[in-house]
Amino acid sequence: MTQTATAPANAEKRYTVHRSDLPLSCPLPSMALWNSHPRVYLAIEDAPDKEVQCPYCGSHFVLAD
């Protein structure tokens, strides 16, 4: 049985993520996808400053470690 995501999708505009969260997608797996945009994978580990922005909703993700 899979766990149902209950966090609201894209409730914040800045998220700190860790290597254990990779591969990074927006919305995050813990977010309910039904009320958001299609899932998009973001290559944060390849970004020069380890920061990326979602092209759909504009959420900003920062890789902490």
C-alpha atoms as a PDB file:
ATOM      1  CA  MET A   1       0.000   0.000   0.000  1.00  0.00           C
ATOM      2  CA  THR A   2       1.328   3.453  -0.864  1.00  0.00           C
ATOM      3  CA  GLN A   3       1.202   6.392   1.500  1.00  0.00           C
ATOM      4  CA  THR A   4      -1.086   9.241   0.496  1.00  0.00           C
ATOM      5  CA  ALA A   5       0.602  12.624   0.221  1.00  0.00           C
ATOM      6  CA  THR A   6      -1.061  15.081   2.537  1.00  0.00           C
ATOM      7  CA  ALA A   7       1.093  18.202   2.469  1.00  0.00           C
ATOM      8  CA  PRO A   8      -0.367  21.035   0.419  1.00  0.00           C
ATOM      9  CA  ALA A   9       1.352  21.424  -2.920  1.00  0.00           C
ATOM     10  CA  ASN A  10       3.584  24.444  -3.364  1.00  0.00           C
ATOM     11  CA  ALA A  11       2.467  26.073  -0.110  1.00  0.00           C
ATOM     12  CA  GLU A  12       5.851  27.753   0.264  1.00  0.00           C
ATOM     13  CA  LYS A  13       8.049  29.462  -2.288  1.00  0.00           C
ATOM     14  CA  ARG A  14      11.429  28.384  -0.869  1.00  0.00           C
ATOM     15  CA  TYR A  15      12.372  24.827   0.069  1.00  0.00           C
ATOM     16  CA  THR A  16      15.614  23.471   1.496  1.00  0.00           C
ATOM     17  CA  VAL A  17      16.340  19.941   0.300  1.00  0.00           C
ATOM     18  CA  HIS A  18      19.046  17.397   1.115  1.00  0.00           C
ATOM     19  CA  ARG A  19      20.878  14.796  -0.953  1.00  0.00           C
ATOM     20  CA  SER A  20      18.614  12.149   0.564  1.00  0.00           C
ATOM     21  CA  ASP A  21      15.699  13.924  -1.210  1.00  0.00           C
ATOM     22  CA  LEU A  22      17.248  13.398  -4.671  1.00  0.00           C
ATOM     23  CA  PRO A  23      16.127  13.015  -7.365  1.00  0.00           C
ATOM     24  CA  LEU A  24      14.349  16.303  -6.781  1.00  0.00           C
ATOM     25  CA  SER A  25      10.901  16.805  -8.204  1.00  0.00           C
ATOM     26  CA  CYS A  26       8.328  19.543  -7.919  1.00  0.00           C
ATOM     27  CA  PRO A  27       5.899  19.021  -6.399  1.00  0.00           C
ATOM     28  CA  LEU A  28       7.809  17.037  -3.772  1.00  0.00           C
ATOM     29  CA  PRO A  29       6.658  13.436  -3.182  1.00  0.00           C
ATOM     30  CA  SER A  30       5.147  14.472   0.161  1.00  0.00           C
ATOM     31  CA  MET A  31       2.858  16.986  -1.568  1.00  0.00           C
ATOM     32  CA  ALA A  32      -0.555  16.227  -2.966  1.00  0.00           C
ATOM     33  CA  LEU A  33      -0.186  16.201  -6.750  1.00  0.00           C
ATOM     34  CA  TRP A  34      -3.873  16.495  -7.597  1.00  0.00           C
ATOM     35  CA  ASN A  35      -4.029  20.233  -6.924  1.00  0.00           C
ATOM     36  CA  SER A  36      -0.711  21.219  -8.445  1.00  0.00           C
ATOM     37  CA  HIS A  37       1.087  21.151 -11.782  1.00  0.00           C
ATOM     38  CA  PRO A  38       2.518  18.040 -13.483  1.00  0.00           C
ATOM     39  CA  ARG A  39       5.567  16.596 -11.726  1.00  0.00           C
ATOM     40  CA  VAL A  40       8.832  17.934 -13.121  1.00  0.00           C
ATOM     41  CA  TYR A  41      12.305  16.697 -12.151  1.00  0.00           C
ATOM     42  CA  LEU A  42      14.910  19.338 -11.356  1.00  0.00           C
ATOM     43  CA  ALA A  43      18.676  18.734 -11.682  1.00  0.00           C
ATOM     44  CA  ILE A  44      19.690  20.668  -8.583  1.00  0.00           C
ATOM     45  CA  GLU A  45      22.892  18.657  -8.117  1.00  0.00           C
ATOM     46  CA  ASP A  46      24.140  19.939 -11.510  1.00  0.00           C
ATOM     47  CA  ALA A  47      23.308  23.597 -10.843  1.00  0.00           C
ATOM     48  CA  PRO A  48      26.428  25.736 -10.230  1.00  0.00           C
ATOM     49  CA  ASP A  49      25.028  27.313  -7.059  1.00  0.00           C
ATOM     50  CA  LYS A  50      23.005  24.202  -6.031  1.00  0.00           C
ATOM     51  CA  GLU A  51      19.779  26.180  -6.407  1.00  0.00           C
ATOM     52  CA  VAL A  52      16.975  25.702  -8.945  1.00  0.00           C
ATOM     53  CA  GLN A  53      13.558  27.156  -9.645  1.00  0.00           C
ATOM     54  CA  CYS A  54      10.507  25.214 -10.771  1.00  0.00           C
ATOM     55  CA  PRO A  55       9.474  26.320 -14.279  1.00  0.00           C
ATOM     56  CA  TYR A  56       5.780  25.759 -13.464  1.00  0.00           C
ATOM     57  CA  CYS A  57       5.182  27.370 -10.074  1.00  0.00           C
ATOM     58  CA  GLY A  58       8.378  29.309  -9.403  1.00  0.00           C
ATOM     59  CA  SER A  59       9.207  27.484  -6.149  1.00  0.00           C
ATOM     60  CA  HIS A  60      12.871  27.901  -5.280  1.00  0.00           C
ATOM     61  CA  PHE A  61      14.864  24.873  -4.085  1.00  0.00           C
ATOM     62  CA  VAL A  62      18.229  25.030  -2.292  1.00  0.00           C
ATOM     63  CA  LEU A  63      20.446  21.979  -1.788  1.00  0.00           C
ATOM     64  CA  ALA A  64      21.700  22.091   1.823  1.00  0.00           C
ATOM     65  CA  ASP A  65      24.376  19.366   1.682  1.00  0.00           C
END
